[in-house]
Amino acid sequence: VAKDLGLQLPALSDSGVRILDKGRTPYFALHGKTGHLVIAERIDREQLCENVHQCVLRSGVIVEGEM
């Protein structure tokens, strides 16, 4: 995420970058030392998408401050 946004790692935390997940469970997070997008919570496809052929988890990245 840091690389895609063109930010250095110290700027990642200073910019207030956070992951916005739809729903109550935060499934994704940013690794503070690498800037990588990581799985923060176990993702259970059967629980999330019961009786749905194509399962999609939507999330976004919010950057506060200047880029």
C-alpha atoms as a PDB file:
ATOM      1  CA  VAL A   1       0.000   0.000   0.000  1.00  0.00           C
ATOM      2  CA  ALA A   2       2.830   2.393   0.867  1.00  0.00           C
ATOM      3  CA  LYS A   3       4.494   1.719  -2.491  1.00  0.00           C
ATOM      4  CA  ASP A   4       1.212   2.116  -4.413  1.00  0.00           C
ATOM      5  CA  LEU A   5       0.546   5.458  -2.701  1.00  0.00           C
ATOM      6  CA  GLY A   6       4.123   6.638  -3.229  1.00  0.00           C
ATOM      7  CA  LEU A   7       4.712   7.056   0.512  1.00  0.00           C
ATOM      8  CA  GLN A   8       7.741   6.167   2.583  1.00  0.00           C
ATOM      9  CA  LEU A   9       7.020   4.052   5.665  1.00  0.00           C
ATOM     10  CA  PRO A  10       7.329   6.892   8.237  1.00  0.00           C
ATOM     11  CA  ALA A  11       4.922   8.961   6.124  1.00  0.00           C
ATOM     12  CA  LEU A  12       2.437   6.096   6.114  1.00  0.00           C
ATOM     13  CA  SER A  13       1.645   6.472   9.807  1.00  0.00           C
ATOM     14  CA  ASP A  14       1.984  10.269   9.721  1.00  0.00           C
ATOM     15  CA  SER A  15      -0.567  10.508   6.883  1.00  0.00           C
ATOM     16  CA  GLY A  16      -3.286   8.770   8.864  1.00  0.00           C
ATOM     17  CA  VAL A  17      -3.599   5.960   6.320  1.00  0.00           C
ATOM     18  CA  ARG A  18      -6.197   3.403   7.314  1.00  0.00           C
ATOM     19  CA  ILE A  19      -8.225   0.603   5.791  1.00  0.00           C
ATOM     20  CA  LEU A  20     -11.982   0.983   5.595  1.00  0.00           C
ATOM     21  CA  ASP A  21     -13.858  -2.326   5.570  1.00  0.00           C
ATOM     22  CA  LYS A  22     -17.544  -2.574   4.795  1.00  0.00           C
ATOM     23  CA  GLY A  23     -19.227  -4.342   7.667  1.00  0.00           C
ATOM     24  CA  ARG A  24     -18.394  -4.745  11.318  1.00  0.00           C
ATOM     25  CA  THR A  25     -15.339  -6.991  11.173  1.00  0.00           C
ATOM     26  CA  PRO A  26     -12.034  -5.401  10.114  1.00  0.00           C
ATOM     27  CA  TYR A  27     -10.596  -8.137   7.892  1.00  0.00           C
ATOM     28  CA  PHE A  28      -7.607  -6.141   6.623  1.00  0.00           C
ATOM     29  CA  ALA A  29      -4.915  -3.979   8.225  1.00  0.00           C
ATOM     30  CA  LEU A  30      -1.672  -2.255   7.314  1.00  0.00           C
ATOM     31  CA  HIS A  31       1.546  -3.768   8.614  1.00  0.00           C
ATOM     32  CA  GLY A  32       3.316  -0.870  10.333  1.00  0.00           C
ATOM     33  CA  LYS A  33       6.886  -1.893   9.475  1.00  0.00           C
ATOM     34  CA  THR A  34       6.399  -2.958   5.849  1.00  0.00           C
ATOM     35  CA  GLY A  35       3.357  -1.006   4.654  1.00  0.00           C
ATOM     36  CA  HIS A  36       1.849  -4.248   3.315  1.00  0.00           C
ATOM     37  CA  LEU A  37      -1.846  -5.006   3.362  1.00  0.00           C
ATOM     38  CA  VAL A  38      -2.344  -7.982   5.696  1.00  0.00           C
ATOM     39  CA  ILE A  39      -5.271 -10.079   6.874  1.00  0.00           C
ATOM     40  CA  ALA A  40      -6.265  -8.940  10.354  1.00  0.00           C
ATOM     41  CA  GLU A  41      -9.085 -11.410  10.982  1.00  0.00           C
ATOM     42  CA  ARG A  42      -9.874 -14.925   9.776  1.00  0.00           C
ATOM     43  CA  ILE A  43     -12.008 -14.823   6.618  1.00  0.00           C
ATOM     44  CA  ASP A  44     -14.641 -17.561   6.542  1.00  0.00           C
ATOM     45  CA  ARG A  45     -16.146 -17.674   3.042  1.00  0.00           C
ATOM     46  CA  GLU A  46     -18.979 -20.005   4.074  1.00  0.00           C
ATOM     47  CA  GLN A  47     -20.037 -17.634   6.825  1.00  0.00           C
ATOM     48  CA  LEU A  48     -19.718 -14.440   4.761  1.00  0.00           C
ATOM     49  CA  CYS A  49     -21.146 -15.593   1.460  1.00  0.00           C
ATOM     50  CA  GLU A  50     -23.499 -18.428   2.205  1.00  0.00           C
ATOM     51  CA  ASN A  51     -25.437 -19.431  -0.934  1.00  0.00           C
ATOM     52  CA  VAL A  52     -23.564 -16.903  -3.107  1.00  0.00           C
ATOM     53  CA  HIS A  53     -21.556 -18.132  -6.093  1.00  0.00           C
ATOM     54  CA  GLN A  54     -19.120 -15.198  -6.226  1.00  0.00           C
ATOM     55  CA  CYS A  55     -17.877 -13.898  -2.868  1.00  0.00           C
ATOM     56  CA  VAL A  56     -16.434 -10.358  -2.764  1.00  0.00           C
ATOM     57  CA  LEU A  57     -15.032  -8.416   0.197  1.00  0.00           C
ATOM     58  CA  ARG A  58     -14.895  -4.701  -0.461  1.00  0.00           C
ATOM     59  CA  SER A  59     -12.572  -2.332   1.351  1.00  0.00           C
ATOM     60  CA  GLY A  60     -10.865   0.960   0.734  1.00  0.00           C
ATOM     61  CA  VAL A  61      -7.854   2.983   1.790  1.00  0.00           C
ATOM     62  CA  ILE A  62      -8.321   6.390   3.408  1.00  0.00           C
ATOM     63  CA  VAL A  63      -5.416   8.849   3.484  1.00  0.00           C
ATOM     64  CA  GLU A  64      -5.765  11.861   5.747  1.00  0.00           C
ATOM     65  CA  GLY A  65      -3.495  14.838   5.180  1.00  0.00           C
ATOM     66  CA  GLU A  66      -1.409  15.818   2.186  1.00  0.00           C
ATOM     67  CA  MET A  67      -0.027  13.444  -0.401  1.00  0.00           C
END
